[in-house]
Amino acid sequence: MNGFDPKALLGRFSKLFGGFTPGQRVVTAVAALAVVVGGVMFVSWVGKPSYAPVFTGLSSTDAAAITAKLTESGEPYELADGGQTVMVPQADVYQTRITLSGEGLPAGDSNSQGYSLLDKQSMTSSDFQQKVTYQRALEGELSKTIESIEGVQAAVVHLAVPQDDVFTTDAAKPTGSVLVKTSAGTTLSSTLVDSIVHLVAGSVPKLDPEQVTVADASGKVLNAAGEGGGGAAGADARQSQKLAVANATAAAVQSMLDKVVGPGKAVVRVDADLNFDEQTIDRQEYVPTKPGTTLTETKSKESYTGGGTPVGGVLGPDNVGTTTNGTGKNDYVKEDSTRTNAVGTLKEKTTTAPGKVQRLSVAVLLDAKSAGSVDTTQLSSLVSAAAGLDPKRGDVVEVSQMAFDTTAAASAQKELEAAAADKKRADMISLGKTVGLGVLILLALIIGLIRSRRRSGPAAPQEIEVYRVPTGPAPVDTLLEQAEQRNVLPHRETAGEQRAQSREAIGTLARERPDDVARLLRGWIAEGS
């Protein structure tokens, strides 16, 4: 087995490339250059490390400090999200994060450092400085806590805590304000806003939830101070609850009317008035026991017997309990009785949850053309029962009949019918095109089959000129003579020139009539065997 010879391979390639036309050479060179460039780019892409974020949501100060440390240590990095995200090779993410965290990076905003600010106080700090530092630390801890809520990207908390004064009975109450920045496409729900409010209120002594204001980065107030129940978010929740009650009542009435007058022949509108005040009622009632039970009983009796006129007495014409005889003697008897019976105590505490239905107003409008025979009085009773109306509560229902304007409905129906007809027509045209195309393809196949059968018939014999070389000691001389006769050489100067011209004539003959030359060679082989 022969070994690999690079020189021979290079010679073959050079010989092959030399046989190309100029156009083929250009195409080959361009293709080779494209392969080389693509290979270089592929190797560069494969060798490039994959980057992963090591810290996100950084401030400009933290990003500058982190990139400076990475540059100092020679660690490659990339910036993303407008410089808020620092990315390093994926294999070095955890080690880089640990190293930077050990150096106190990212440090975060100075207002959000939390309780770490207390570690920086000195022994010479004044009482005012200590209070301010504690307040800043509390604000930073609250900001970190709020930022851990899903959807909150950044948060800033400000607290206004008045100083305690022992000589002031009516001291000012602390207040708080929170500014939150949410992620793109995220909106804080009323539940999350309430959570933020109660987190702040529960972390500051004497801070009432109603004194906490929450706003987003766009300036929209999510919870206003002094508005209990969640402020703007609570108002949205109350409005949603009112709409839910009204829609549920309207749906119950509408489903019944659709069975009575038909779909689209009745319109129902409900207005719900809800009471969102939380009420607590304490009631205490004394109930006598049955049978009656005497707990304590006290009796006293006083009597007097004597003569003369008694001192004092009862004013008026009557003197109850006193007897006067003719001899001037006065006698009286006084008896008192006090009895304490057993009595039971009944205590009740009732708390009314916010959102109680205070009043419902239901309006029903019927199409006069379809509900001409409907008894409105009976229908009003049915609507009242279906909606759960209570006359004692002040609920009202009104049923009226009017002619509906069906112009828009008729126009919409005509448009739907026209659209359906257009669609049907388009489907028929598409089907016709498909059938026609199939027929054309079938005809083309049939015509092609007929033509192929005609061509496959017996072909007319063609005359082929066969060159035969006579056997003898010098076949080459005979071939040269035939070539000289075909090319009609003008003269024969020397034998070398004659052979050269003969070879040229044979080459021309081989190029122009290769089939005839092949037959000639096959004849030589057959005769030589």
Protein backbone atom coordinates (compact mmCIF):
# COMPACT_ATOMS: atom_id res chain seq x y z
CA MET A 1 0.00 0.00 0.00
CA ASN A 2 1.50 3.26 -1.09
CA GLY A 3 1.84 6.03 1.49
CA PHE A 4 0.26 9.44 1.32
CA ASP A 5 2.22 11.75 -0.97
CA PRO A 6 1.36 15.45 -0.42
CA LYS A 7 3.35 16.52 -3.47
CA ALA A 8 1.43 14.18 -5.73
CA LEU A 9 -1.87 15.39 -4.29
CA LEU A 10 -0.79 19.00 -4.77
CA GLY A 11 0.26 18.24 -8.33
CA ARG A 12 -3.11 16.67 -9.06
CA PHE A 13 -4.92 19.64 -7.64
CA SER A 14 -2.77 22.05 -9.65
CA LYS A 15 -3.38 20.06 -12.81
CA LEU A 16 -7.13 19.96 -12.11
CA PHE A 17 -7.27 23.67 -11.32
CA GLY A 18 -5.26 24.45 -14.44
CA GLY A 19 -7.89 22.75 -16.57
CA PHE A 20 -10.66 25.07 -15.26
CA THR A 21 -11.96 27.95 -17.31
CA PRO A 22 -11.42 31.49 -15.94
CA GLY A 23 -15.02 31.64 -14.65
CA GLN A 24 -14.65 28.30 -12.86
CA ARG A 25 -11.39 29.47 -11.30
CA VAL A 26 -13.07 32.62 -9.91
CA VAL A 27 -15.99 30.62 -8.48
CA THR A 28 -13.60 28.10 -6.93
CA ALA A 29 -11.49 30.85 -5.36
CA VAL A 30 -14.56 32.61 -3.94
CA ALA A 31 -15.90 29.33 -2.51
CA ALA A 32 -12.55 28.52 -0.91
CA LEU A 33 -12.36 32.01 0.61
CA ALA A 34 -15.93 31.67 1.99
CA VAL A 35 -15.06 28.31 3.55
CA VAL A 36 -11.97 29.78 5.21
CA VAL A 37 -13.83 32.83 6.56
CA GLY A 38 -16.73 30.68 7.79
CA GLY A 39 -14.31 28.31 9.51
CA VAL A 40 -12.55 31.16 11.25
CA MET A 41 -15.86 32.66 12.44
CA PHE A 42 -17.11 29.27 13.62
CA VAL A 43 -13.93 28.61 15.58
CA SER A 44 -14.14 32.11 17.11
CA TRP A 45 -17.79 31.58 18.07
CA VAL A 46 -17.11 28.16 19.57
CA GLY A 47 -14.11 29.46 21.50
CA LYS A 48 -15.99 32.51 22.85
CA PRO A 49 -17.25 31.89 26.42
CA SER A 50 -20.96 32.11 27.25
CA TYR A 51 -21.76 35.11 29.48
CA ALA A 52 -24.28 35.09 32.33
CA PRO A 53 -25.42 37.94 34.61
CA VAL A 54 -23.64 38.21 37.92
CA PHE A 55 -25.58 41.24 39.23
CA THR A 56 -28.72 42.93 37.86
CA GLY A 57 -30.58 46.14 38.64
CA LEU A 58 -27.42 47.97 39.68
CA SER A 59 -27.11 51.67 40.23
CA SER A 60 -24.51 53.62 38.28
CA THR A 61 -22.25 53.80 41.35
CA ASP A 62 -22.33 50.06 41.97
CA ALA A 63 -21.86 49.27 38.27
CA ALA A 64 -18.78 51.52 38.13
CA ALA A 65 -17.29 49.97 41.26
CA ILE A 66 -17.91 46.40 40.06
CA THR A 67 -16.46 46.98 36.58
CA ALA A 68 -13.42 48.63 38.13
CA LYS A 69 -12.82 45.58 40.32
CA LEU A 70 -13.28 43.21 37.37
CA THR A 71 -10.85 45.22 35.24
CA GLU A 72 -8.33 45.24 38.07
CA SER A 73 -8.56 41.45 38.44
CA GLY A 74 -8.42 40.85 34.67
CA GLU A 75 -11.85 39.22 34.53
CA PRO A 76 -13.68 39.76 31.19
CA TYR A 77 -17.16 41.24 31.49
CA GLU A 78 -20.01 42.70 29.46
CA LEU A 79 -22.68 45.29 30.28
CA ALA A 80 -26.38 44.91 29.48
CA ASP A 81 -29.69 46.65 30.24
CA GLY A 82 -28.15 50.09 29.86
CA GLY A 83 -25.36 49.36 32.32
CA GLN A 84 -27.63 47.96 35.05
CA THR A 85 -26.52 44.35 34.48
CA VAL A 86 -22.94 43.07 34.63
CA MET A 87 -22.22 39.77 32.86
CA VAL A 88 -19.16 37.52 33.20
CA PRO A 89 -18.28 34.11 31.70
CA GLN A 90 -20.75 31.54 32.91
CA ALA A 91 -18.07 29.37 34.48
CA ASP A 92 -16.94 32.29 36.69
CA VAL A 93 -20.34 33.60 37.82
CA TYR A 94 -20.47 32.12 41.32
CA GLN A 95 -16.81 32.72 42.15
CA THR A 96 -17.03 36.33 40.94
CA ARG A 97 -20.21 36.92 42.91
CA ILE A 98 -18.62 35.57 46.11
CA THR A 99 -15.45 37.60 45.58
CA LEU A 100 -17.31 40.87 44.99
CA SER A 101 -19.69 40.24 47.89
CA GLY A 102 -16.68 39.75 50.16
CA GLU A 103 -15.52 43.24 49.17
CA GLY A 104 -18.93 44.75 49.96
CA LEU A 105 -20.16 45.03 46.37
CA PRO A 106 -22.73 45.94 45.36
CA ALA A 107 -22.95 48.45 48.18
CA GLY A 108 -26.38 49.75 47.15
CA ASP A 109 -27.76 53.20 47.77
CA SER A 110 -26.56 54.86 50.94
CA ASN A 111 -30.19 55.35 51.94
CA SER A 112 -30.89 51.63 51.56
CA GLN A 113 -28.05 50.17 53.57
CA GLY A 114 -30.37 49.24 56.40
CA TYR A 115 -29.14 48.44 59.86
CA SER A 116 -25.53 48.38 58.66
CA LEU A 117 -25.59 52.16 59.12
CA LEU A 118 -25.75 51.62 62.88
CA ASP A 119 -22.36 49.90 62.77
CA LYS A 120 -20.75 53.12 61.52
CA GLN A 121 -21.78 55.24 64.50
CA SER A 122 -19.09 56.52 66.80
CA MET A 123 -19.18 57.01 70.54
CA THR A 124 -19.29 60.78 70.08
CA SER A 125 -22.51 60.76 68.04
CA SER A 126 -25.18 63.06 69.40
CA ASP A 127 -28.69 61.97 70.25
CA PHE A 128 -30.00 63.70 67.14
CA GLN A 129 -27.50 61.87 64.91
CA GLN A 130 -28.42 58.55 66.47
CA LYS A 131 -32.13 59.14 65.85
CA VAL A 132 -31.55 60.20 62.24
CA THR A 133 -29.29 57.21 61.60
CA TYR A 134 -31.84 54.84 63.09
CA GLN A 135 -34.58 56.33 60.92
CA ARG A 136 -32.41 55.97 57.81
CA ALA A 137 -31.62 52.38 58.74
CA LEU A 138 -35.32 51.62 59.21
CA GLU A 139 -36.15 53.19 55.85
CA GLY A 140 -33.43 51.11 54.17
CA GLU A 141 -34.66 47.87 55.71
CA LEU A 142 -38.23 48.63 54.64
CA SER A 143 -37.03 49.38 51.09
CA LYS A 144 -35.24 46.03 50.93
CA THR A 145 -38.31 44.25 52.25
CA ILE A 146 -40.62 45.86 49.70
CA GLU A 147 -38.17 45.14 46.84
CA SER A 148 -38.41 41.44 47.67
CA ILE A 149 -42.08 41.48 46.62
CA GLU A 150 -42.60 39.96 43.19
CA GLY A 151 -43.00 42.64 40.52
CA VAL A 152 -41.31 45.43 42.52
CA GLN A 153 -37.99 46.43 40.98
CA ALA A 154 -37.05 49.27 43.34
CA ALA A 155 -38.60 50.98 46.37
CA VAL A 156 -37.88 54.12 48.38
CA VAL A 157 -39.40 54.64 51.82
CA HIS A 158 -39.60 57.98 53.68
CA LEU A 159 -40.77 58.20 57.28
CA ALA A 160 -41.83 61.29 59.20
CA VAL A 161 -41.62 60.39 62.88
CA PRO A 162 -42.30 63.31 65.27
CA GLN A 163 -40.34 63.60 68.48
CA ASP A 164 -41.98 62.47 71.68
CA ASP A 165 -42.78 65.30 74.06
CA VAL A 166 -43.84 64.48 77.60
CA PHE A 167 -45.48 67.89 78.01
CA THR A 168 -47.72 67.51 74.95
CA THR A 169 -50.84 65.39 75.20
CA ASP A 170 -51.92 65.72 71.57
CA ALA A 171 -48.69 64.73 69.77
CA ALA A 172 -48.50 64.46 65.98
CA LYS A 173 -48.79 60.98 64.52
CA PRO A 174 -46.03 59.49 62.33
CA THR A 175 -46.59 59.20 58.60
CA GLY A 176 -44.92 57.26 55.83
CA SER A 177 -44.63 57.40 52.06
CA VAL A 178 -43.48 54.69 49.66
CA LEU A 179 -42.40 55.08 46.05
CA VAL A 180 -42.26 51.82 44.10
CA LYS A 181 -40.93 51.06 40.63
CA THR A 182 -42.38 47.96 39.06
CA SER A 183 -40.95 45.77 36.35
CA ALA A 184 -41.96 46.36 32.73
CA GLY A 185 -45.52 45.24 32.10
CA THR A 186 -46.27 44.68 35.82
CA THR A 187 -49.08 46.40 37.71
CA LEU A 188 -49.44 46.13 41.46
CA SER A 189 -52.78 44.72 42.52
CA SER A 190 -54.79 46.10 45.44
CA THR A 191 -53.69 43.12 47.55
CA LEU A 192 -50.00 43.91 47.04
CA VAL A 193 -50.58 47.59 47.77
CA ASP A 194 -52.33 46.67 51.03
CA SER A 195 -49.41 44.41 51.86
CA ILE A 196 -46.94 47.28 51.39
CA VAL A 197 -49.10 49.58 53.52
CA HIS A 198 -49.34 47.13 56.40
CA LEU A 199 -45.63 46.22 56.16
CA VAL A 200 -44.66 49.85 56.66
CA ALA A 201 -47.31 50.51 59.32
CA GLY A 202 -46.36 47.40 61.27
CA SER A 203 -42.67 48.33 61.32
CA VAL A 204 -43.03 51.84 62.74
CA PRO A 205 -44.45 52.39 66.23
CA LYS A 206 -47.74 54.32 66.38
CA LEU A 207 -47.99 54.45 62.58
CA ASP A 208 -51.54 53.91 61.41
CA PRO A 209 -52.09 52.20 58.01
CA GLU A 210 -54.29 55.14 57.00
CA GLN A 211 -51.24 57.43 57.27
CA VAL A 212 -49.19 55.58 54.63
CA THR A 213 -49.06 56.86 51.05
CA VAL A 214 -48.00 54.57 48.20
CA ALA A 215 -47.23 55.85 44.68
CA ASP A 216 -45.63 54.29 41.63
CA ALA A 217 -42.87 55.60 39.38
CA SER A 218 -45.40 57.14 36.97
CA GLY A 219 -46.83 59.33 39.73
CA LYS A 220 -50.06 57.41 40.19
CA VAL A 221 -51.25 57.27 43.79
CA LEU A 222 -51.94 53.69 44.76
CA ASN A 223 -52.88 54.43 48.37
CA ALA A 224 -53.56 57.92 49.69
CA ALA A 225 -53.11 58.90 53.32
CA GLY A 226 -56.39 59.40 55.16
CA GLU A 227 -58.35 57.10 52.84
CA GLY A 228 -58.99 53.89 54.69
CA GLY A 229 -59.48 50.71 52.82
CA GLY A 230 -56.58 50.96 50.47
CA GLY A 231 -56.98 54.44 48.99
CA ALA A 232 -57.18 54.41 45.21
CA ALA A 233 -56.60 50.67 45.14
CA GLY A 234 -59.38 50.22 47.71
CA ALA A 235 -61.68 52.42 45.62
CA ASP A 236 -61.01 50.22 42.62
CA ALA A 237 -61.77 47.14 44.70
CA ARG A 238 -65.04 48.65 45.94
CA GLN A 239 -66.05 49.60 42.41
CA SER A 240 -65.23 46.10 41.21
CA GLN A 241 -67.37 44.62 43.97
CA LYS A 242 -70.31 46.87 43.06
CA LEU A 243 -70.00 45.89 39.41
CA ALA A 244 -69.80 42.21 40.36
CA VAL A 245 -73.05 42.41 42.36
CA ALA A 246 -74.81 44.40 39.62
CA ASN A 247 -73.64 42.10 36.83
CA ALA A 248 -74.61 38.94 38.73
CA THR A 249 -78.10 40.30 39.40
CA ALA A 250 -78.52 41.47 35.80
CA ALA A 251 -77.40 38.09 34.47
CA ALA A 252 -79.96 36.26 36.62
CA VAL A 253 -82.79 38.51 35.40
CA GLN A 254 -81.61 38.49 31.77
CA SER A 255 -81.52 34.68 31.58
CA MET A 256 -85.13 34.57 32.75
CA LEU A 257 -86.33 37.26 30.32
CA ASP A 258 -84.66 35.52 27.37
CA LYS A 259 -86.96 32.56 28.01
CA VAL A 260 -90.03 34.81 28.23
CA VAL A 261 -89.64 37.29 25.35
CA GLY A 262 -86.72 35.74 23.46
CA PRO A 263 -83.02 36.60 23.16
CA GLY A 264 -82.29 40.21 22.29
CA LYS A 265 -85.83 41.35 23.12
CA ALA A 266 -85.12 42.64 26.64
CA VAL A 267 -82.50 44.87 28.26
CA VAL A 268 -81.69 44.73 31.98
CA ARG A 269 -79.73 47.31 33.95
CA VAL A 270 -78.96 47.01 37.67
CA ASP A 271 -77.52 49.65 40.00
CA ALA A 272 -76.17 48.27 43.28
CA ASP A 273 -75.53 50.47 46.30
CA LEU A 274 -73.25 48.76 48.81
CA ASN A 275 -72.35 49.80 52.32
CA PHE A 276 -68.61 49.48 52.93
CA ASP A 277 -68.73 50.74 56.54
CA GLU A 278 -67.71 48.18 59.10
CA GLN A 279 -70.22 48.21 61.98
CA THR A 280 -70.00 46.55 65.37
CA ILE A 281 -73.14 46.31 67.57
CA ASP A 282 -72.99 45.25 71.25
CA ARG A 283 -76.32 44.32 72.88
CA GLN A 284 -76.97 43.19 76.46
CA GLU A 285 -80.39 41.88 77.57
CA TYR A 286 -81.59 40.73 81.00
CA VAL A 287 -83.80 37.65 80.86
CA PRO A 288 -85.71 36.38 83.95
CA THR A 289 -85.22 32.77 84.88
CA LYS A 290 -88.04 30.31 84.54
CA PRO A 291 -89.18 29.25 87.04
CA GLY A 292 -88.41 32.32 89.14
CA THR A 293 -85.68 31.90 91.72
CA THR A 294 -85.29 34.19 94.74
CA LEU A 295 -81.69 34.88 95.56
CA THR A 296 -82.12 37.13 98.66
CA GLU A 297 -85.14 38.37 100.65
CA THR A 298 -85.17 40.97 103.47
CA LYS A 299 -88.20 41.80 105.71
CA SER A 300 -88.57 44.49 108.38
CA LYS A 301 -91.51 45.32 110.72
CA GLU A 302 -91.97 48.43 112.88
CA SER A 303 -94.88 48.99 115.36
CA TYR A 304 -95.72 51.77 117.82
CA THR A 305 -98.21 51.98 120.69
CA GLY A 306 -98.53 55.13 122.82
CA GLY A 307 -100.70 58.00 124.07
CA GLY A 308 -100.90 61.66 123.24
CA THR A 309 -100.58 63.35 120.00
CA PRO A 310 -97.72 62.02 117.94
CA VAL A 311 -95.08 64.43 116.68
CA GLY A 312 -95.16 64.87 112.97
CA GLY A 313 -97.30 62.72 110.77
CA VAL A 314 -98.38 62.49 107.23
CA LEU A 315 -99.65 65.61 105.56
CA GLY A 316 -103.05 65.40 104.06
CA PRO A 317 -106.42 64.11 105.03
CA ASP A 318 -105.32 60.46 105.26
CA ASN A 319 -103.01 58.90 107.80
CA VAL A 320 -102.29 55.37 106.70
CA GLY A 321 -101.19 52.95 109.37
CA THR A 322 -102.07 55.23 112.30
CA THR A 323 -105.00 54.68 114.65
CA THR A 324 -106.30 57.41 116.91
CA ASN A 325 -108.96 56.65 119.58
CA GLY A 326 -110.87 58.92 121.74
CA THR A 327 -108.49 58.59 124.61
CA GLY A 328 -105.59 60.24 122.66
CA LYS A 329 -103.61 57.08 122.01
CA ASN A 330 -101.84 56.47 118.66
CA ASP A 331 -100.88 52.98 117.33
CA TYR A 332 -99.21 52.12 113.95
CA VAL A 333 -97.47 49.13 112.29
CA LYS A 334 -94.92 49.38 109.41
CA GLU A 335 -93.69 46.37 107.42
CA ASP A 336 -91.01 46.34 104.59
CA SER A 337 -90.04 43.43 102.36
CA THR A 338 -87.15 43.37 99.83
CA ARG A 339 -86.69 40.40 97.47
CA THR A 340 -83.92 39.82 94.88
CA ASN A 341 -84.80 37.37 92.10
CA ALA A 342 -82.30 35.56 89.79
CA VAL A 343 -82.02 37.23 86.36
CA GLY A 344 -80.07 35.89 83.30
CA THR A 345 -77.90 38.10 81.08
CA LEU A 346 -77.78 37.77 77.27
CA LYS A 347 -74.88 39.52 75.50
CA GLU A 348 -74.56 39.76 71.71
CA LYS A 349 -71.83 41.32 69.54
CA THR A 350 -72.61 41.69 65.86
CA THR A 351 -70.00 42.82 63.33
CA THR A 352 -71.23 43.73 59.85
CA ALA A 353 -68.64 43.09 57.14
CA PRO A 354 -68.11 45.82 54.51
CA GLY A 355 -69.85 45.32 51.20
CA LYS A 356 -73.38 44.67 52.40
CA VAL A 357 -76.08 45.39 49.82
CA GLN A 358 -77.85 48.56 50.87
CA ARG A 359 -80.13 49.13 47.89
CA LEU A 360 -80.81 47.65 44.45
CA SER A 361 -82.45 49.38 41.49
CA VAL A 362 -83.50 47.23 38.53
CA ALA A 363 -84.68 48.62 35.19
CA VAL A 364 -86.14 46.30 32.53
CA LEU A 365 -86.90 47.45 29.00
CA LEU A 366 -88.91 45.15 26.71
CA ASP A 367 -89.37 45.28 22.96
CA ALA A 368 -92.95 46.33 22.37
CA LYS A 369 -93.20 44.27 19.18
CA SER A 370 -92.27 41.03 20.92
CA ALA A 371 -93.68 41.59 24.41
CA GLY A 372 -97.07 43.07 23.59
CA SER A 373 -98.97 40.31 25.43
CA VAL A 374 -96.70 40.21 28.49
CA ASP A 375 -98.23 41.30 31.80
CA THR A 376 -95.84 43.90 33.20
CA THR A 377 -97.19 43.52 36.74
CA GLN A 378 -96.57 39.81 36.79
CA LEU A 379 -93.21 40.31 35.14
CA SER A 380 -92.24 42.87 37.82
CA SER A 381 -92.98 40.28 40.52
CA LEU A 382 -90.85 37.72 38.73
CA VAL A 383 -87.96 40.19 38.32
CA SER A 384 -88.18 41.13 42.01
CA ALA A 385 -87.97 37.49 43.01
CA ALA A 386 -85.14 36.72 40.60
CA ALA A 387 -83.08 39.74 41.73
CA GLY A 388 -83.79 39.19 45.44
CA LEU A 389 -85.26 42.66 45.96
CA ASP A 390 -86.39 43.74 49.42
CA PRO A 391 -89.01 46.54 49.54
CA LYS A 392 -88.13 47.28 53.20
CA ARG A 393 -84.60 48.05 52.06
CA GLY A 394 -85.85 50.51 49.47
CA ASP A 395 -85.24 48.33 46.40
CA VAL A 396 -87.18 49.32 43.28
CA VAL A 397 -87.94 47.68 39.95
CA GLU A 398 -89.28 49.32 36.82
CA VAL A 399 -90.54 47.44 33.74
CA SER A 400 -91.37 49.33 30.54
CA GLN A 401 -92.10 48.49 26.90
CA MET A 402 -90.73 50.41 23.93
CA ALA A 403 -90.11 49.71 20.26
CA PHE A 404 -86.49 48.68 19.70
CA ASP A 405 -84.48 50.21 16.88
CA THR A 406 -83.50 47.21 14.74
CA THR A 407 -81.81 49.17 11.95
CA ALA A 408 -78.31 48.36 13.13
CA ALA A 409 -79.22 44.71 13.69
CA ALA A 410 -80.75 44.41 10.23
CA SER A 411 -77.73 46.07 8.65
CA ALA A 412 -75.40 43.75 10.55
CA GLN A 413 -77.48 40.75 9.44
CA LYS A 414 -77.27 41.86 5.80
CA GLU A 415 -73.52 42.29 6.12
CA LEU A 416 -73.23 38.82 7.61
CA GLU A 417 -75.31 37.32 4.82
CA ALA A 418 -73.26 39.19 2.19
CA ALA A 419 -70.05 38.00 3.82
CA ALA A 420 -71.35 34.43 3.85
CA ALA A 421 -72.31 34.69 0.16
CA ASP A 422 -68.90 36.12 -0.72
CA LYS A 423 -67.20 33.35 1.16
CA LYS A 424 -69.32 30.73 -0.62
CA ARG A 425 -68.53 32.32 -3.98
CA ALA A 426 -64.83 32.43 -3.17
CA ASP A 427 -64.94 28.78 -2.16
CA MET A 428 -66.60 27.84 -5.45
CA ILE A 429 -64.01 29.80 -7.42
CA SER A 430 -61.20 28.16 -5.49
CA LEU A 431 -62.75 24.75 -6.10
CA GLY A 432 -63.08 25.51 -9.83
CA LYS A 433 -59.46 26.59 -10.00
CA THR A 434 -58.37 23.43 -8.29
CA VAL A 435 -60.44 21.21 -10.58
CA GLY A 436 -59.22 23.05 -13.67
CA LEU A 437 -55.61 22.70 -12.58
CA GLY A 438 -56.14 19.00 -12.02
CA VAL A 439 -57.65 18.58 -15.48
CA LEU A 440 -54.73 20.45 -17.08
CA ILE A 441 -52.24 18.26 -15.24
CA LEU A 442 -54.11 15.14 -16.34
CA LEU A 443 -54.16 16.31 -19.98
CA ALA A 444 -50.43 17.07 -19.82
CA LEU A 445 -49.75 13.58 -18.51
CA ILE A 446 -51.83 11.98 -21.26
CA ILE A 447 -50.11 14.02 -24.00
CA GLY A 448 -46.69 13.21 -22.57
CA LEU A 449 -47.55 9.50 -22.47
CA ILE A 450 -48.67 9.53 -26.12
CA ARG A 451 -45.52 11.31 -27.22
CA SER A 452 -43.29 8.94 -25.28
CA ARG A 453 -44.97 5.97 -26.94
CA ARG A 454 -44.43 7.47 -30.37
CA ARG A 455 -40.77 8.10 -29.66
CA SER A 456 -40.26 4.59 -28.35
CA GLY A 457 -41.12 3.06 -31.77
CA PRO A 458 -38.53 1.50 -34.17
CA ALA A 459 -35.98 4.07 -35.22
CA ALA A 460 -34.76 4.41 -38.80
CA PRO A 461 -31.31 2.93 -39.36
CA GLN A 462 -28.54 5.43 -39.65
CA GLU A 463 -25.54 5.01 -41.82
CA ILE A 464 -22.37 5.04 -39.77
CA GLU A 465 -19.03 5.34 -41.36
CA VAL A 466 -16.75 2.73 -39.92
CA TYR A 467 -13.03 3.02 -40.30
CA ARG A 468 -11.32 -0.28 -40.53
CA VAL A 469 -7.58 -0.67 -40.46
CA PRO A 470 -6.24 -3.48 -42.66
CA THR A 471 -4.07 -6.02 -40.99
CA GLY A 472 -0.39 -5.88 -41.85
CA PRO A 473 2.96 -5.11 -40.55
CA ALA A 474 2.47 -1.34 -40.61
CA PRO A 475 -1.11 -0.28 -39.55
CA VAL A 476 0.11 3.13 -38.50
CA ASP A 477 1.32 3.98 -42.01
CA THR A 478 -2.04 3.02 -43.44
CA LEU A 479 -3.81 5.23 -40.88
CA LEU A 480 -1.51 8.06 -41.81
CA GLU A 481 -2.31 7.60 -45.46
CA GLN A 482 -6.03 7.72 -44.75
CA ALA A 483 -5.54 10.87 -42.71
CA GLU A 484 -3.52 12.40 -45.54
CA GLN A 485 -6.28 11.57 -48.03
CA ARG A 486 -9.01 13.05 -45.77
CA ASN A 487 -7.11 16.24 -45.02
CA VAL A 488 -5.58 16.48 -48.52
CA LEU A 489 -2.16 17.51 -47.37
CA PRO A 490 -0.71 19.99 -49.84
CA HIS A 491 2.81 18.64 -49.74
CA ARG A 492 5.02 16.33 -47.81
CA GLU A 493 8.31 17.87 -47.06
CA THR A 494 9.64 15.49 -44.42
CA ALA A 495 8.45 12.38 -42.63
CA GLY A 496 8.42 14.21 -39.26
CA GLU A 497 6.22 16.99 -40.57
CA GLN A 498 3.93 14.47 -42.14
CA ARG A 499 3.53 12.56 -38.87
CA ALA A 500 2.88 15.78 -36.94
CA GLN A 501 0.20 16.86 -39.35
CA SER A 502 -1.30 13.38 -39.28
CA ARG A 503 -1.45 13.43 -35.47
CA GLU A 504 -3.16 16.82 -35.60
CA ALA A 505 -5.67 15.51 -38.10
CA ILE A 506 -6.37 12.48 -35.89
CA GLY A 507 -6.85 14.75 -32.85
CA THR A 508 -9.27 16.93 -34.81
CA LEU A 509 -11.16 13.85 -35.95
CA ALA A 510 -11.36 12.53 -32.38
CA ARG A 511 -12.77 15.84 -31.12
CA GLU A 512 -15.30 16.27 -33.90
CA ARG A 513 -16.52 12.66 -34.20
CA PRO A 514 -15.77 10.86 -30.89
CA ASP A 515 -18.41 8.16 -31.54
CA ASP A 516 -16.83 7.21 -34.85
CA VAL A 517 -13.38 7.07 -33.28
CA ALA A 518 -14.74 4.83 -30.52
CA ARG A 519 -16.23 2.46 -33.09
CA LEU A 520 -12.91 2.47 -34.94
CA LEU A 521 -11.03 1.50 -31.81
CA ARG A 522 -13.53 -1.27 -31.03
CA GLY A 523 -12.99 -2.58 -34.58
CA TRP A 524 -9.24 -2.64 -34.05
CA ILE A 525 -9.62 -4.55 -30.84
CA ALA A 526 -11.99 -7.05 -32.44
CA GLU A 527 -9.69 -7.63 -35.41
CA GLY A 528 -6.59 -7.84 -33.23
CA SER A 529 -8.16 -10.56 -31.11
